Amino acid sequence: MNSNMWIRQLHRWLSMTFTLAVIANIVALTMQVQATWIGLMAFVPLIPLLATGLYLFALPYLGRRSEARS
């Protein structure tokens, strides 16, 4: 597999992890648990998710630029 496929797969797994962290945060809020670490738990996958998402967003535009040079 090339690097684009690895980044795409990593992005998928990070999005699932982020979704589970948000669900855990919502459950904790409904149970009125005052744990700050549960709220911050969503930021752990969010930062690399942002980086991989921006890379995947820019990938088609970068491909067009290299094709235009050829």
C-alpha atoms as a PDB file:
ATOM      1  CA  MET A   1       0.000   0.000   0.000  1.00  0.00           C
ATOM      2  CA  ASN A   2       1.224   3.463  -0.772  1.00  0.00           C
ATOM      3  CA  SER A   3       1.395   6.301   1.733  1.00  0.00           C
ATOM      4  CA  ASN A   4      -1.917   7.850   0.616  1.00  0.00           C
ATOM      5  CA  MET A   5      -3.764   4.650   1.468  1.00  0.00           C
ATOM      6  CA  TRP A   6      -2.080   4.487   4.884  1.00  0.00           C
ATOM      7  CA  ILE A   7      -3.071   8.066   5.656  1.00  0.00           C
ATOM      8  CA  ARG A   8      -6.626   7.415   4.460  1.00  0.00           C
ATOM      9  CA  GLN A   9      -6.883   4.314   6.681  1.00  0.00           C
ATOM     10  CA  LEU A  10      -5.392   6.193   9.646  1.00  0.00           C
ATOM     11  CA  HIS A  11      -7.919   8.978   9.084  1.00  0.00           C
ATOM     12  CA  ARG A  12     -10.775   6.464   9.185  1.00  0.00           C
ATOM     13  CA  TRP A  13      -9.586   4.920  12.454  1.00  0.00           C
ATOM     14  CA  LEU A  14      -9.023   8.331  14.006  1.00  0.00           C
ATOM     15  CA  SER A  15     -12.542   9.394  13.062  1.00  0.00           C
ATOM     16  CA  MET A  16     -13.983   6.309  14.744  1.00  0.00           C
ATOM     17  CA  THR A  17     -11.893   6.995  17.859  1.00  0.00           C
ATOM     18  CA  PHE A  18     -13.034  10.615  17.903  1.00  0.00           C
ATOM     19  CA  THR A  19     -16.676   9.542  17.557  1.00  0.00           C
ATOM     20  CA  LEU A  20     -16.342   7.173  20.512  1.00  0.00           C
ATOM     21  CA  ALA A  21     -14.705   9.905  22.590  1.00  0.00           C
ATOM     22  CA  VAL A  22     -17.547  12.313  21.818  1.00  0.00           C
ATOM     23  CA  ILE A  23     -20.139   9.669  22.713  1.00  0.00           C
ATOM     24  CA  ALA A  24     -18.314   9.032  26.006  1.00  0.00           C
ATOM     25  CA  ASN A  25     -18.338  12.767  26.677  1.00  0.00           C
ATOM     26  CA  ILE A  26     -22.086  12.995  25.996  1.00  0.00           C
ATOM     27  CA  VAL A  27     -22.778  10.025  28.278  1.00  0.00           C
ATOM     28  CA  ALA A  28     -20.662  11.581  31.031  1.00  0.00           C
ATOM     29  CA  LEU A  29     -22.519  14.872  30.691  1.00  0.00           C
ATOM     30  CA  THR A  30     -25.918  13.186  30.892  1.00  0.00           C
ATOM     31  CA  MET A  31     -24.782  11.291  33.985  1.00  0.00           C
ATOM     32  CA  GLN A  32     -23.476  14.602  35.381  1.00  0.00           C
ATOM     33  CA  VAL A  33     -19.974  13.254  35.941  1.00  0.00           C
ATOM     34  CA  GLN A  34     -17.547  16.108  36.518  1.00  0.00           C
ATOM     35  CA  ALA A  35     -14.366  14.707  34.985  1.00  0.00           C
ATOM     36  CA  THR A  36     -12.383  17.146  32.881  1.00  0.00           C
ATOM     37  CA  TRP A  37     -10.273  14.374  31.354  1.00  0.00           C
ATOM     38  CA  ILE A  38     -13.376  12.941  29.636  1.00  0.00           C
ATOM     39  CA  GLY A  39     -13.971  16.239  27.891  1.00  0.00           C
ATOM     40  CA  LEU A  40     -10.335  16.539  26.877  1.00  0.00           C
ATOM     41  CA  MET A  41     -10.245  12.932  25.667  1.00  0.00           C
ATOM     42  CA  ALA A  42     -11.793  14.011  22.361  1.00  0.00           C
ATOM     43  CA  PHE A  43      -8.839  16.281  21.591  1.00  0.00           C
ATOM     44  CA  VAL A  44      -6.355  13.402  21.461  1.00  0.00           C
ATOM     45  CA  PRO A  45      -7.623  11.971  18.134  1.00  0.00           C
ATOM     46  CA  LEU A  46      -8.875  15.349  16.910  1.00  0.00           C
ATOM     47  CA  ILE A  47      -5.449  16.900  16.319  1.00  0.00           C
ATOM     48  CA  PRO A  48      -4.069  14.121  14.057  1.00  0.00           C
ATOM     49  CA  LEU A  49      -7.528  13.847  12.488  1.00  0.00           C
ATOM     50  CA  LEU A  50      -7.247  17.501  11.486  1.00  0.00           C
ATOM     51  CA  ALA A  51      -3.770  16.966  10.014  1.00  0.00           C
ATOM     52  CA  THR A  52      -4.755  13.892   7.989  1.00  0.00           C
ATOM     53  CA  GLY A  53      -7.986  15.541   6.882  1.00  0.00           C
ATOM     54  CA  LEU A  54      -6.179  18.611   5.604  1.00  0.00           C
ATOM     55  CA  TYR A  55      -3.704  16.382   3.759  1.00  0.00           C
ATOM     56  CA  LEU A  56      -6.499  14.383   2.144  1.00  0.00           C
ATOM     57  CA  PHE A  57      -8.317  17.592   1.255  1.00  0.00           C
ATOM     58  CA  ALA A  58      -5.250  19.065  -0.449  1.00  0.00           C
ATOM     59  CA  LEU A  59      -4.262  15.829  -2.206  1.00  0.00           C
ATOM     60  CA  PRO A  60      -6.331  16.337  -5.398  1.00  0.00           C
ATOM     61  CA  TYR A  61      -5.096  19.912  -5.753  1.00  0.00           C
ATOM     62  CA  LEU A  62      -1.474  18.870  -5.327  1.00  0.00           C
ATOM     63  CA  GLY A  63      -1.962  16.137  -7.921  1.00  0.00           C
ATOM     64  CA  ARG A  64      -3.281  18.632 -10.458  1.00  0.00           C
ATOM     65  CA  ARG A  65      -0.298  20.878  -9.916  1.00  0.00           C
ATOM     66  CA  SER A  66       2.202  18.068 -10.572  1.00  0.00           C
ATOM     67  CA  GLU A  67       0.279  16.943 -13.679  1.00  0.00           C
ATOM     68  CA  ALA A  68       0.328  20.504 -15.051  1.00  0.00           C
ATOM     69  CA  ARG A  69       4.119  20.656 -14.738  1.00  0.00           C
ATOM     70  CA  SER A  70       4.598  17.442 -16.709  1.00  0.00           C
END
